[in-house]
Amino acid sequence: VQLQASGGGLEQAGGSLRLSCVASGRSFRWYNVGWFRQAPGKEREFVARITWTDYSTDYADSVKGRFTISRDNAKNTVYLQMNSLKPEDTAVYYCAAGDNGYQFDYWGQGTLVTVSS
C-alpha cells in the first residue's frame, strides 16, 4: 500500500490544520493507521493512532485534547485534525499503516507543518 500525506503548511499559534493521508494500491480498511512527527534535530515520535477493528484511538500526551484522528474507509483516507496549534507542533508529519498493534510497515512521504508564535 502506498501512502500520500498532505495538508501541511504555515499556521499561527492557536490555529488549526487538517492533515490527510490517502492510501492507494490496497484498501486502508484492514490497517491500523498512525501519525508520527519529526521536529528538526529530534527523533520521530508517535502522535496518534486509529485501529481498523473498532476505530479506537489513542494519542500522545502532548496532543491529547487538541488533535483528533479519524478515518473514512470509503475514501481510503485518514485525517488528523489539529487544533490549538503550538510552535512545538512544528515538524514533518508522517502517516503510516500496519496490521498489527503499533507495528507500522508502510510509510508516507511526510508533510511539513510550521507553527509560528
Protein backbone atom coordinates (compact mmCIF):
# COMPACT_ATOMS: atom_id res chain seq x y z
CA VAL A 1 0.00 0.00 0.00
CA GLN A 2 1.24 3.49 -0.88
CA LEU A 3 0.50 6.43 1.39
CA GLN A 4 0.34 10.11 0.49
CA ALA A 5 0.21 12.69 3.26
CA SER A 6 -0.90 16.26 2.60
CA GLY A 7 -2.36 19.32 4.27
CA GLY A 8 0.69 20.76 5.95
CA GLY A 9 1.55 24.42 5.84
CA LEU A 10 2.26 27.52 7.86
CA GLU A 11 -0.17 28.40 10.62
CA GLN A 12 -0.14 30.77 13.57
CA ALA A 13 -0.19 29.54 17.13
CA GLY A 14 -3.76 28.81 18.16
CA GLY A 15 -4.81 27.99 14.63
CA SER A 16 -5.88 24.74 13.01
CA LEU A 17 -4.81 22.46 10.21
CA ARG A 18 -6.16 19.19 8.89
CA LEU A 19 -3.78 16.61 7.51
CA SER A 20 -4.92 13.88 5.14
CA CYS A 21 -3.37 10.52 4.41
CA VAL A 22 -4.64 8.81 1.28
CA ALA A 23 -3.88 5.18 0.53
CA SER A 24 -3.55 3.63 -2.89
CA GLY A 25 -2.76 0.18 -4.15
CA ARG A 26 -4.72 -1.53 -1.41
CA SER A 27 -7.65 -0.71 0.83
CA PHE A 28 -6.97 1.03 4.12
CA ARG A 29 -9.84 -0.90 5.62
CA TRP A 30 -7.78 -3.64 7.26
CA TYR A 31 -4.99 -1.47 8.64
CA ASN A 32 -4.30 0.47 11.78
CA VAL A 33 -3.12 3.92 10.79
CA GLY A 34 -0.85 6.18 12.75
CA TRP A 35 0.51 9.68 12.55
CA PHE A 36 4.05 10.45 13.60
CA ARG A 37 6.14 13.59 13.53
CA GLN A 38 9.76 14.56 13.47
CA ALA A 39 10.93 18.01 14.51
CA PRO A 40 14.31 19.37 13.39
CA GLY A 41 17.10 17.76 15.36
CA LYS A 42 14.75 15.40 17.17
CA GLU A 43 13.73 11.79 16.82
CA ARG A 44 10.48 10.78 15.24
CA GLU A 45 7.66 10.50 17.76
CA PHE A 46 4.23 8.96 17.86
CA VAL A 47 1.29 11.35 17.60
CA ALA A 48 -1.92 9.33 17.18
CA ARG A 49 -3.32 6.02 16.03
CA ILE A 50 -6.68 4.67 14.90
CA THR A 51 -7.42 0.97 14.68
CA TRP A 52 -9.21 -0.83 11.89
CA THR A 53 -11.22 -3.14 14.14
CA ASP A 54 -13.29 -0.74 16.23
CA TYR A 55 -11.86 2.64 15.23
CA SER A 56 -10.45 3.12 18.70
CA THR A 57 -7.94 5.94 19.02
CA ASP A 58 -5.03 6.89 21.20
CA TYR A 59 -2.80 9.94 21.35
CA ALA A 60 0.48 11.20 22.64
CA ASP A 61 0.03 13.20 25.83
CA SER A 62 1.40 16.27 24.10
CA VAL A 63 -1.51 16.41 21.63
CA LYS A 64 -4.35 14.90 23.65
CA GLY A 65 -7.39 17.14 23.63
CA ARG A 66 -6.08 19.18 20.69
CA PHE A 67 -5.67 16.64 17.87
CA THR A 68 -8.26 14.21 16.53
CA ILE A 69 -7.59 11.26 14.26
CA SER A 70 -10.39 9.85 12.13
CA ARG A 71 -10.83 7.66 9.09
CA ASP A 72 -13.08 7.36 6.08
CA ASN A 73 -12.61 3.92 4.60
CA ALA A 74 -14.82 4.71 1.61
CA LYS A 75 -12.31 7.40 0.63
CA ASN A 76 -9.30 5.37 1.74
CA THR A 77 -8.30 8.36 3.84
CA VAL A 78 -7.25 9.04 7.41
CA TYR A 79 -7.32 12.56 8.81
CA LEU A 80 -5.53 14.35 11.60
CA GLN A 81 -7.41 17.43 12.75
CA MET A 82 -5.01 19.67 14.64
CA ASN A 83 -6.46 22.48 16.75
CA SER A 84 -4.91 24.95 19.17
CA LEU A 85 -1.59 24.57 17.43
CA LYS A 86 1.58 25.43 19.30
CA PRO A 87 5.04 26.29 17.98
CA GLU A 88 6.27 23.00 19.41
CA ASP A 89 3.96 21.18 16.98
CA THR A 90 6.27 22.27 14.16
CA ALA A 91 7.53 19.12 12.46
CA VAL A 92 7.29 16.92 9.42
CA TYR A 93 4.23 14.74 9.88
CA TYR A 94 4.14 11.20 8.54
CA CYS A 95 1.30 8.72 8.24
CA ALA A 96 1.89 5.01 8.49
CA ALA A 97 -0.15 1.82 8.24
CA GLY A 98 0.16 -1.62 9.70
CA ASP A 99 -1.97 -4.62 10.59
CA ASN A 100 -0.51 -5.50 13.98
CA GLY A 101 -0.80 -3.23 17.01
CA TYR A 102 1.79 -0.48 16.88
CA GLN A 103 3.86 -2.09 14.14
CA PHE A 104 3.71 0.05 11.01
CA ASP A 105 5.02 -1.39 7.77
CA TYR A 106 4.03 1.27 5.27
CA TRP A 107 5.00 4.94 5.46
CA GLY A 108 4.08 8.07 3.56
CA GLN A 109 6.49 10.77 2.50
CA GLY A 110 5.62 13.39 5.12
CA THR A 111 4.10 16.85 5.10
CA LEU A 112 5.64 19.87 6.82
CA VAL A 113 3.71 21.74 9.50
CA THR A 114 5.13 25.04 10.72
CA VAL A 115 3.51 26.90 13.59
CA SER A 116 4.59 30.48 14.19
CA SER A 117 4.35 32.18 17.56
